[in-house]
């Protein structure tokens, strides 16, 4: 009997966004950029330092804080105004904010014919546009809720439509998306953040990207390989992306 020809498993590459593909957070720069375009909304933000304090000392969760910030900055904005801004914001993120190693990794997976999935706690408002730029096959993100405003059309509610795509919720949503896929599929997952430990350990192969010291310790404890996607000396973000920085306020 001739030897059986090995069958290559179908590979699905799953990427976190903030700090993994991008060099830093995207939610805060997204909000700051919208404020820059709509400066009159700054007065709606007066209570936000108190909301942030409540989050930081543990009185409120990240879902609550994220919704408070989104409501203050973008609540009531029209779908058209947000679509125009999100298209510009996504283009700037792709142009100025990507890790070189992430780009190389995505290109390598795509060249092998692998399926690429972007999974993130960031908002679908702009994540969908980033995913289109980067040619992802599927996107799983936190969804923003909309409301109808009579003849004016849809406006942003400010709340989330469903759960924050964070922690174990990422695993649940990924399983739901892949529920009808081939059983021999091999999942490769990439993330920089400790909240994605359930995703990385559930994957067939999990990789920790440019971790902070606490995440590096978790990687060692869970035997997860660590990757450096910085590509050497990374260029400083352009000023056109206000607040594009490494501080991550909301996971």
C-alpha atoms as a PDB file:
ATOM      1  CA  UNK A   1       0.000   0.000   0.000  1.00  0.00           C
ATOM      2  CA  UNK A   2       1.524   3.370  -0.998  1.00  0.00           C
ATOM      3  CA  UNK A   3       2.230   5.859   1.792  1.00  0.00           C
ATOM      4  CA  UNK A   4      -0.610   8.214   2.509  1.00  0.00           C
ATOM      5  CA  UNK A   5      -0.051  11.725   1.222  1.00  0.00           C
ATOM      6  CA  UNK A   6      -0.272  14.157   4.161  1.00  0.00           C
ATOM      7  CA  UNK A   7      -3.153  16.589   3.887  1.00  0.00           C
ATOM      8  CA  UNK A   8      -2.353  20.170   4.800  1.00  0.00           C
ATOM      9  CA  UNK A   9      -4.725  21.443   7.425  1.00  0.00           C
ATOM     10  CA  UNK A  10      -6.774  24.523   6.629  1.00  0.00           C
ATOM     11  CA  UNK A  11      -5.149  27.395   8.500  1.00  0.00           C
ATOM     12  CA  UNK A  12      -7.004  30.362   9.956  1.00  0.00           C
ATOM     13  CA  UNK A  13      -4.861  33.246  11.198  1.00  0.00           C
ATOM     14  CA  UNK A  14      -6.538  35.341  13.895  1.00  0.00           C
ATOM     15  CA  UNK A  15      -5.182  38.787  14.744  1.00  0.00           C
ATOM     16  CA  UNK A  16      -5.903  41.207  17.561  1.00  0.00           C
ATOM     17  CA  UNK A  17      -5.775  44.857  16.441  1.00  0.00           C
ATOM     18  CA  UNK A  18      -4.573  47.331  19.093  1.00  0.00           C
ATOM     19  CA  UNK A  19      -0.939  46.792  20.011  1.00  0.00           C
ATOM     20  CA  UNK A  20      -0.711  43.712  17.786  1.00  0.00           C
ATOM     21  CA  UNK A  21      -1.253  44.910  14.237  1.00  0.00           C
ATOM     22  CA  UNK A  22      -1.070  48.571  15.230  1.00  0.00           C
ATOM     23  CA  UNK A  23       1.695  50.051  17.332  1.00  0.00           C
ATOM     24  CA  UNK A  24      -0.780  51.405  19.882  1.00  0.00           C
ATOM     25  CA  UNK A  25      -4.382  51.880  20.888  1.00  0.00           C
ATOM     26  CA  UNK A  26      -6.905  53.102  18.305  1.00  0.00           C
ATOM     27  CA  UNK A  27      -9.987  53.954  20.374  1.00  0.00           C
ATOM     28  CA  UNK A  28      -8.595  57.037  22.109  1.00  0.00           C
ATOM     29  CA  UNK A  29      -7.146  58.513  18.892  1.00  0.00           C
ATOM     30  CA  UNK A  30     -10.479  57.797  17.182  1.00  0.00           C
ATOM     31  CA  UNK A  31     -12.309  59.843  19.811  1.00  0.00           C
ATOM     32  CA  UNK A  32      -9.746  62.655  19.794  1.00  0.00           C
ATOM     33  CA  UNK A  33      -9.868  62.895  16.025  1.00  0.00           C
ATOM     34  CA  UNK A  34     -13.645  63.175  16.026  1.00  0.00           C
ATOM     35  CA  UNK A  35     -13.440  65.905  18.666  1.00  0.00           C
ATOM     36  CA  UNK A  36     -10.929  67.749  16.501  1.00  0.00           C
ATOM     37  CA  UNK A  37     -13.476  67.745  13.682  1.00  0.00           C
ATOM     38  CA  UNK A  38     -16.333  68.659  16.004  1.00  0.00           C
ATOM     39  CA  UNK A  39     -14.849  70.930  18.708  1.00  0.00           C
ATOM     40  CA  UNK A  40     -18.244  72.018  20.026  1.00  0.00           C
ATOM     41  CA  UNK A  41     -18.631  68.503  21.457  1.00  0.00           C
ATOM     42  CA  UNK A  42     -15.864  69.165  23.972  1.00  0.00           C
ATOM     43  CA  UNK A  43     -18.434  70.455  26.464  1.00  0.00           C
ATOM     44  CA  UNK A  44     -20.142  67.063  26.439  1.00  0.00           C
ATOM     45  CA  UNK A  45     -16.889  65.574  27.726  1.00  0.00           C
ATOM     46  CA  UNK A  46     -16.739  67.457  31.034  1.00  0.00           C
ATOM     47  CA  UNK A  47     -17.910  64.421  33.110  1.00  0.00           C
ATOM     48  CA  UNK A  48     -15.482  62.024  31.446  1.00  0.00           C
ATOM     49  CA  UNK A  49     -12.570  62.409  33.920  1.00  0.00           C
ATOM     50  CA  UNK A  50     -14.928  61.257  36.686  1.00  0.00           C
ATOM     51  CA  UNK A  51     -16.053  58.278  34.594  1.00  0.00           C
ATOM     52  CA  UNK A  52     -12.430  57.419  33.914  1.00  0.00           C
ATOM     53  CA  UNK A  53     -11.616  57.574  37.623  1.00  0.00           C
ATOM     54  CA  UNK A  54     -14.537  55.248  38.396  1.00  0.00           C
ATOM     55  CA  UNK A  55     -13.153  52.804  35.832  1.00  0.00           C
ATOM     56  CA  UNK A  56      -9.545  53.004  37.024  1.00  0.00           C
ATOM     57  CA  UNK A  57     -10.418  52.376  40.688  1.00  0.00           C
ATOM     58  CA  UNK A  58     -12.618  49.438  39.757  1.00  0.00           C
ATOM     59  CA  UNK A  59     -16.075  50.861  40.489  1.00  0.00           C
ATOM     60  CA  UNK A  60     -17.115  50.374  36.847  1.00  0.00           C
ATOM     61  CA  UNK A  61     -16.141  47.965  34.085  1.00  0.00           C
ATOM     62  CA  UNK A  62     -14.583  48.689  30.717  1.00  0.00           C
ATOM     63  CA  UNK A  63     -17.904  48.145  28.887  1.00  0.00           C
ATOM     64  CA  UNK A  64     -19.516  50.934  30.914  1.00  0.00           C
ATOM     65  CA  UNK A  65     -16.556  53.305  30.522  1.00  0.00           C
ATOM     66  CA  UNK A  66     -16.245  52.688  26.782  1.00  0.00           C
ATOM     67  CA  UNK A  67     -19.920  53.500  26.284  1.00  0.00           C
ATOM     68  CA  UNK A  68     -19.701  56.665  28.384  1.00  0.00           C
ATOM     69  CA  UNK A  69     -16.810  57.963  26.279  1.00  0.00           C
ATOM     70  CA  UNK A  70     -18.420  56.983  22.996  1.00  0.00           C
ATOM     71  CA  UNK A  71     -21.713  58.630  23.975  1.00  0.00           C
ATOM     72  CA  UNK A  72     -20.034  61.866  25.038  1.00  0.00           C
ATOM     73  CA  UNK A  73     -17.827  62.210  21.975  1.00  0.00           C
ATOM     74  CA  UNK A  74     -19.881  60.668  19.172  1.00  0.00           C
ATOM     75  CA  UNK A  75     -23.408  60.144  20.498  1.00  0.00           C
ATOM     76  CA  UNK A  76     -26.072  61.563  18.174  1.00  0.00           C
ATOM     77  CA  UNK A  77     -23.714  61.880  15.212  1.00  0.00           C
ATOM     78  CA  UNK A  78     -25.185  60.882  11.869  1.00  0.00           C
ATOM     79  CA  UNK A  79     -24.203  57.714  10.080  1.00  0.00           C
ATOM     80  CA  UNK A  80     -22.932  59.786   7.133  1.00  0.00           C
ATOM     81  CA  UNK A  81     -20.708  62.024   9.292  1.00  0.00           C
ATOM     82  CA  UNK A  82     -19.213  59.031  11.079  1.00  0.00           C
ATOM     83  CA  UNK A  83     -18.736  57.049   7.879  1.00  0.00           C
ATOM     84  CA  UNK A  84     -16.768  59.899   6.311  1.00  0.00           C
ATOM     85  CA  UNK A  85     -14.612  60.354   9.400  1.00  0.00           C
ATOM     86  CA  UNK A  86     -14.048  56.614   9.938  1.00  0.00           C
ATOM     87  CA  UNK A  87     -12.877  56.186   6.341  1.00  0.00           C
ATOM     88  CA  UNK A  88     -10.276  58.921   6.841  1.00  0.00           C
ATOM     89  CA  UNK A  89      -9.257  57.611  10.261  1.00  0.00           C
ATOM     90  CA  UNK A  90      -8.837  54.039   9.023  1.00  0.00           C
ATOM     91  CA  UNK A  91      -6.692  55.196   6.110  1.00  0.00           C
ATOM     92  CA  UNK A  92      -4.408  57.117   8.480  1.00  0.00           C
ATOM     93  CA  UNK A  93      -4.077  54.169  10.849  1.00  0.00           C
ATOM     94  CA  UNK A  94      -3.074  51.908   7.964  1.00  0.00           C
ATOM     95  CA  UNK A  95      -0.679  54.507   6.583  1.00  0.00           C
ATOM     96  CA  UNK A  96       1.059  55.456   9.831  1.00  0.00           C
ATOM     97  CA  UNK A  97       0.264  53.045  12.632  1.00  0.00           C
ATOM     98  CA  UNK A  98       1.026  49.448  11.609  1.00  0.00           C
ATOM     99  CA  UNK A  99       3.744  47.200  12.964  1.00  0.00           C
ATOM    100  CA  UNK A 100       6.059  46.090  10.132  1.00  0.00           C
ATOM    101  CA  UNK A 101       6.096  42.537  11.460  1.00  0.00           C
ATOM    102  CA  UNK A 102       2.309  42.375  11.437  1.00  0.00           C
ATOM    103  CA  UNK A 103       2.201  43.405   7.790  1.00  0.00           C
ATOM    104  CA  UNK A 104       4.801  40.758   6.917  1.00  0.00           C
ATOM    105  CA  UNK A 105       2.902  38.094   8.870  1.00  0.00           C
ATOM    106  CA  UNK A 106      -0.400  38.882   7.150  1.00  0.00           C
ATOM    107  CA  UNK A 107       1.251  38.833   3.739  1.00  0.00           C
ATOM    108  CA  UNK A 108       2.842  35.450   4.483  1.00  0.00           C
ATOM    109  CA  UNK A 109      -0.444  33.886   5.609  1.00  0.00           C
ATOM    110  CA  UNK A 110      -2.259  35.334   2.603  1.00  0.00           C
ATOM    111  CA  UNK A 111       0.402  34.005   0.216  1.00  0.00           C
ATOM    112  CA  UNK A 112      -0.157  30.507   1.635  1.00  0.00           C
ATOM    113  CA  UNK A 113      -3.886  30.797   1.054  1.00  0.00           C
ATOM    114  CA  UNK A 114      -4.794  31.017   4.736  1.00  0.00           C
ATOM    115  CA  UNK A 115      -7.952  32.660   6.011  1.00  0.00           C
ATOM    116  CA  UNK A 116      -7.397  35.934   7.911  1.00  0.00           C
ATOM    117  CA  UNK A 117      -9.689  37.068  10.723  1.00  0.00           C
ATOM    118  CA  UNK A 118      -9.428  40.345  12.623  1.00  0.00           C
ATOM    119  CA  UNK A 119     -10.836  40.121  16.151  1.00  0.00           C
ATOM    120  CA  UNK A 120     -10.851  43.132  18.458  1.00  0.00           C
ATOM    121  CA  UNK A 121     -12.608  44.956  21.257  1.00  0.00           C
ATOM    122  CA  UNK A 122     -12.410  48.133  19.171  1.00  0.00           C
ATOM    123  CA  UNK A 123     -15.503  49.421  17.419  1.00  0.00           C
ATOM    124  CA  UNK A 124     -16.845  48.178  14.120  1.00  0.00           C
ATOM    125  CA  UNK A 125     -17.329  51.856  13.164  1.00  0.00           C
ATOM    126  CA  UNK A 126     -13.727  52.060  11.992  1.00  0.00           C
ATOM    127  CA  UNK A 127     -12.457  48.487  12.383  1.00  0.00           C
ATOM    128  CA  UNK A 128     -14.445  47.368   9.336  1.00  0.00           C
ATOM    129  CA  UNK A 129     -12.696  50.033   7.243  1.00  0.00           C
ATOM    130  CA  UNK A 130      -9.258  49.029   8.571  1.00  0.00           C
ATOM    131  CA  UNK A 131     -10.041  45.390   7.770  1.00  0.00           C
ATOM    132  CA  UNK A 132     -10.967  46.294   4.193  1.00  0.00           C
ATOM    133  CA  UNK A 133      -7.652  48.114   3.748  1.00  0.00           C
ATOM    134  CA  UNK A 134      -5.787  45.056   5.029  1.00  0.00           C
ATOM    135  CA  UNK A 135      -7.897  42.534   3.046  1.00  0.00           C
ATOM    136  CA  UNK A 136      -9.122  40.486   6.014  1.00  0.00           C
ATOM    137  CA  UNK A 137     -11.598  37.744   5.177  1.00  0.00           C
ATOM    138  CA  UNK A 138     -13.696  38.249   8.324  1.00  0.00           C
ATOM    139  CA  UNK A 139     -14.028  40.781  11.135  1.00  0.00           C
ATOM    140  CA  UNK A 140     -15.207  40.310  14.718  1.00  0.00           C
ATOM    141  CA  UNK A 141     -15.445  43.567  16.674  1.00  0.00           C
ATOM    142  CA  UNK A 142     -17.476  45.368  19.310  1.00  0.00           C
ATOM    143  CA  UNK A 143     -20.591  46.715  17.625  1.00  0.00           C
ATOM    144  CA  UNK A 144     -21.879  50.250  18.088  1.00  0.00           C
ATOM    145  CA  UNK A 145     -25.641  50.665  18.488  1.00  0.00           C
ATOM    146  CA  UNK A 146     -27.679  53.008  16.295  1.00  0.00           C
ATOM    147  CA  UNK A 147     -31.035  54.704  16.725  1.00  0.00           C
ATOM    148  CA  UNK A 148     -33.418  56.257  14.249  1.00  0.00           C
ATOM    149  CA  UNK A 149     -33.968  60.021  14.445  1.00  0.00           C
ATOM    150  CA  UNK A 150     -37.100  60.553  12.416  1.00  0.00           C
ATOM    151  CA  UNK A 151     -36.481  61.944   8.963  1.00  0.00           C
ATOM    152  CA  UNK A 152     -32.826  62.578   9.788  1.00  0.00           C
ATOM    153  CA  UNK A 153     -31.951  58.890   9.547  1.00  0.00           C
ATOM    154  CA  UNK A 154     -29.769  56.815  11.826  1.00  0.00           C
ATOM    155  CA  UNK A 155     -27.655  58.431  14.521  1.00  0.00           C
ATOM    156  CA  UNK A 156     -25.132  56.837  16.860  1.00  0.00           C
ATOM    157  CA  UNK A 157     -26.646  55.767  20.153  1.00  0.00           C
ATOM    158  CA  UNK A 158     -23.379  55.611  22.092  1.00  0.00           C
ATOM    159  CA  UNK A 159     -24.050  52.225  23.614  1.00  0.00           C
ATOM    160  CA  UNK A 160     -22.733  48.871  22.444  1.00  0.00           C
ATOM    161  CA  UNK A 161     -24.928  46.541  20.447  1.00  0.00           C
ATOM    162  CA  UNK A 162     -24.186  43.340  22.325  1.00  0.00           C
ATOM    163  CA  UNK A 163     -21.151  42.531  24.452  1.00  0.00           C
ATOM    164  CA  UNK A 164     -17.752  44.145  24.374  1.00  0.00           C
ATOM    165  CA  UNK A 165     -15.613  41.825  22.217  1.00  0.00           C
ATOM    166  CA  UNK A 166     -13.118  41.250  25.005  1.00  0.00           C
ATOM    167  CA  UNK A 167     -11.511  38.345  26.839  1.00  0.00           C
ATOM    168  CA  UNK A 168     -13.490  35.124  26.756  1.00  0.00           C
ATOM    169  CA  UNK A 169     -16.125  36.770  24.558  1.00  0.00           C
ATOM    170  CA  UNK A 170     -13.596  36.748  21.715  1.00  0.00           C
ATOM    171  CA  UNK A 171     -13.309  32.970  21.982  1.00  0.00           C
ATOM    172  CA  UNK A 172     -17.090  32.533  21.992  1.00  0.00           C
ATOM    173  CA  UNK A 173     -17.573  34.754  18.949  1.00  0.00           C
ATOM    174  CA  UNK A 174     -14.728  33.122  17.067  1.00  0.00           C
ATOM    175  CA  UNK A 175     -16.200  29.668  17.747  1.00  0.00           C
ATOM    176  CA  UNK A 176     -19.582  30.867  16.473  1.00  0.00           C
ATOM    177  CA  UNK A 177     -18.023  32.209  13.279  1.00  0.00           C
ATOM    178  CA  UNK A 178     -16.075  29.005  12.655  1.00  0.00           C
ATOM    179  CA  UNK A 179     -18.786  26.574  13.742  1.00  0.00           C
ATOM    180  CA  UNK A 180     -19.362  25.260  10.209  1.00  0.00           C
ATOM    181  CA  UNK A 181     -15.707  25.053   9.204  1.00  0.00           C
ATOM    182  CA  UNK A 182     -13.687  21.916   8.559  1.00  0.00           C
ATOM    183  CA  UNK A 183     -12.770  19.963  11.708  1.00  0.00           C
ATOM    184  CA  UNK A 184      -9.078  19.758  10.717  1.00  0.00           C
ATOM    185  CA  UNK A 185      -8.722  23.547  10.693  1.00  0.00           C
ATOM    186  CA  UNK A 186      -5.668  24.884  12.512  1.00  0.00           C
ATOM    187  CA  UNK A 187      -6.043  28.261  14.236  1.00  0.00           C
ATOM    188  CA  UNK A 188      -3.029  30.529  14.629  1.00  0.00           C
ATOM    189  CA  UNK A 189      -3.664  33.496  16.953  1.00  0.00           C
ATOM    190  CA  UNK A 190      -1.635  36.654  17.572  1.00  0.00           C
ATOM    191  CA  UNK A 191      -2.084  39.198  20.378  1.00  0.00           C
ATOM    192  CA  UNK A 192      -0.119  41.479  22.670  1.00  0.00           C
ATOM    193  CA  UNK A 193      -2.598  41.733  25.545  1.00  0.00           C
ATOM    194  CA  UNK A 194      -3.240  39.663  28.660  1.00  0.00           C
ATOM    195  CA  UNK A 195      -7.010  39.789  28.092  1.00  0.00           C
ATOM    196  CA  UNK A 196      -6.424  37.600  25.023  1.00  0.00           C
ATOM    197  CA  UNK A 197      -4.820  34.763  26.964  1.00  0.00           C
ATOM    198  CA  UNK A 198      -8.025  32.650  26.557  1.00  0.00           C
ATOM    199  CA  UNK A 199      -7.811  33.158  22.789  1.00  0.00           C
ATOM    200  CA  UNK A 200      -4.092  32.372  22.595  1.00  0.00           C
ATOM    201  CA  UNK A 201      -4.347  29.209  24.702  1.00  0.00           C
ATOM    202  CA  UNK A 202      -7.461  27.979  22.866  1.00  0.00           C
ATOM    203  CA  UNK A 203      -5.761  28.324  19.465  1.00  0.00           C
ATOM    204  CA  UNK A 204      -3.738  25.541  17.919  1.00  0.00           C
ATOM    205  CA  UNK A 205      -0.792  27.948  17.896  1.00  0.00           C
ATOM    206  CA  UNK A 206      -0.791  31.133  19.975  1.00  0.00           C
ATOM    207  CA  UNK A 207       1.829  33.870  19.664  1.00  0.00           C
ATOM    208  CA  UNK A 208       2.416  36.848  21.938  1.00  0.00           C
ATOM    209  CA  UNK A 209       3.442  39.997  20.068  1.00  0.00           C
ATOM    210  CA  UNK A 210       5.619  42.759  21.567  1.00  0.00           C
ATOM    211  CA  UNK A 211       4.378  42.102  25.099  1.00  0.00           C
ATOM    212  CA  UNK A 212       4.679  44.292  28.154  1.00  0.00           C
ATOM    213  CA  UNK A 213       6.535  42.656  31.087  1.00  0.00           C
ATOM    214  CA  UNK A 214       3.358  41.271  32.687  1.00  0.00           C
ATOM    215  CA  UNK A 215       2.249  39.671  29.426  1.00  0.00           C
ATOM    216  CA  UNK A 216       5.749  38.331  28.800  1.00  0.00           C
ATOM    217  CA  UNK A 217       5.554  36.523  32.146  1.00  0.00           C
ATOM    218  CA  UNK A 218       2.174  35.065  31.177  1.00  0.00           C
ATOM    219  CA  UNK A 219       3.628  33.948  27.861  1.00  0.00           C
ATOM    220  CA  UNK A 220       6.438  32.123  29.651  1.00  0.00           C
ATOM    221  CA  UNK A 221       4.030  30.555  32.143  1.00  0.00           C
ATOM    222  CA  UNK A 222       1.824  29.269  29.312  1.00  0.00           C
ATOM    223  CA  UNK A 223       4.665  28.277  26.949  1.00  0.00           C
ATOM    224  CA  UNK A 224       3.568  30.784  24.327  1.00  0.00           C
ATOM    225  CA  UNK A 225       6.221  31.968  21.837  1.00  0.00           C
ATOM    226  CA  UNK A 226       6.984  35.706  21.833  1.00  0.00           C
ATOM    227  CA  UNK A 227       7.378  37.628  18.566  1.00  0.00           C
ATOM    228  CA  UNK A 228       8.969  41.009  17.942  1.00  0.00           C
ATOM    229  CA  UNK A 229       7.017  42.778  15.198  1.00  0.00           C
ATOM    230  CA  UNK A 230       8.515  46.207  15.769  1.00  0.00           C
ATOM    231  CA  UNK A 231      10.715  45.942  12.692  1.00  0.00           C
ATOM    232  CA  UNK A 232      13.605  47.743  14.366  1.00  0.00           C
ATOM    233  CA  UNK A 233      13.231  51.485  14.667  1.00  0.00           C
ATOM    234  CA  UNK A 234       9.582  52.310  14.174  1.00  0.00           C
ATOM    235  CA  UNK A 235       8.662  55.706  12.745  1.00  0.00           C
ATOM    236  CA  UNK A 236       6.939  58.176  15.033  1.00  0.00           C
ATOM    237  CA  UNK A 237       3.205  58.596  14.353  1.00  0.00           C
ATOM    238  CA  UNK A 238       2.262  61.575  12.254  1.00  0.00           C
ATOM    239  CA  UNK A 239       0.622  64.483  13.987  1.00  0.00           C
ATOM    240  CA  UNK A 240      -2.371  64.003  11.688  1.00  0.00           C
ATOM    241  CA  UNK A 241      -3.393  61.115  13.937  1.00  0.00           C
ATOM    242  CA  UNK A 242      -4.041  62.969  17.208  1.00  0.00           C
ATOM    243  CA  UNK A 243      -3.247  61.058  20.347  1.00  0.00           C
ATOM    244  CA  UNK A 244      -1.979  57.961  18.539  1.00  0.00           C
ATOM    245  CA  UNK A 245      -0.061  56.698  21.516  1.00  0.00           C
ATOM    246  CA  UNK A 246       0.784  53.572  23.469  1.00  0.00           C
ATOM    247  CA  UNK A 247      -1.542  54.298  26.378  1.00  0.00           C
ATOM    248  CA  UNK A 248      -4.423  51.838  26.338  1.00  0.00           C
ATOM    249  CA  UNK A 249      -7.283  53.131  28.438  1.00  0.00           C
ATOM    250  CA  UNK A 250     -10.042  50.722  27.459  1.00  0.00           C
ATOM    251  CA  UNK A 251      -9.368  47.085  26.510  1.00  0.00           C
END
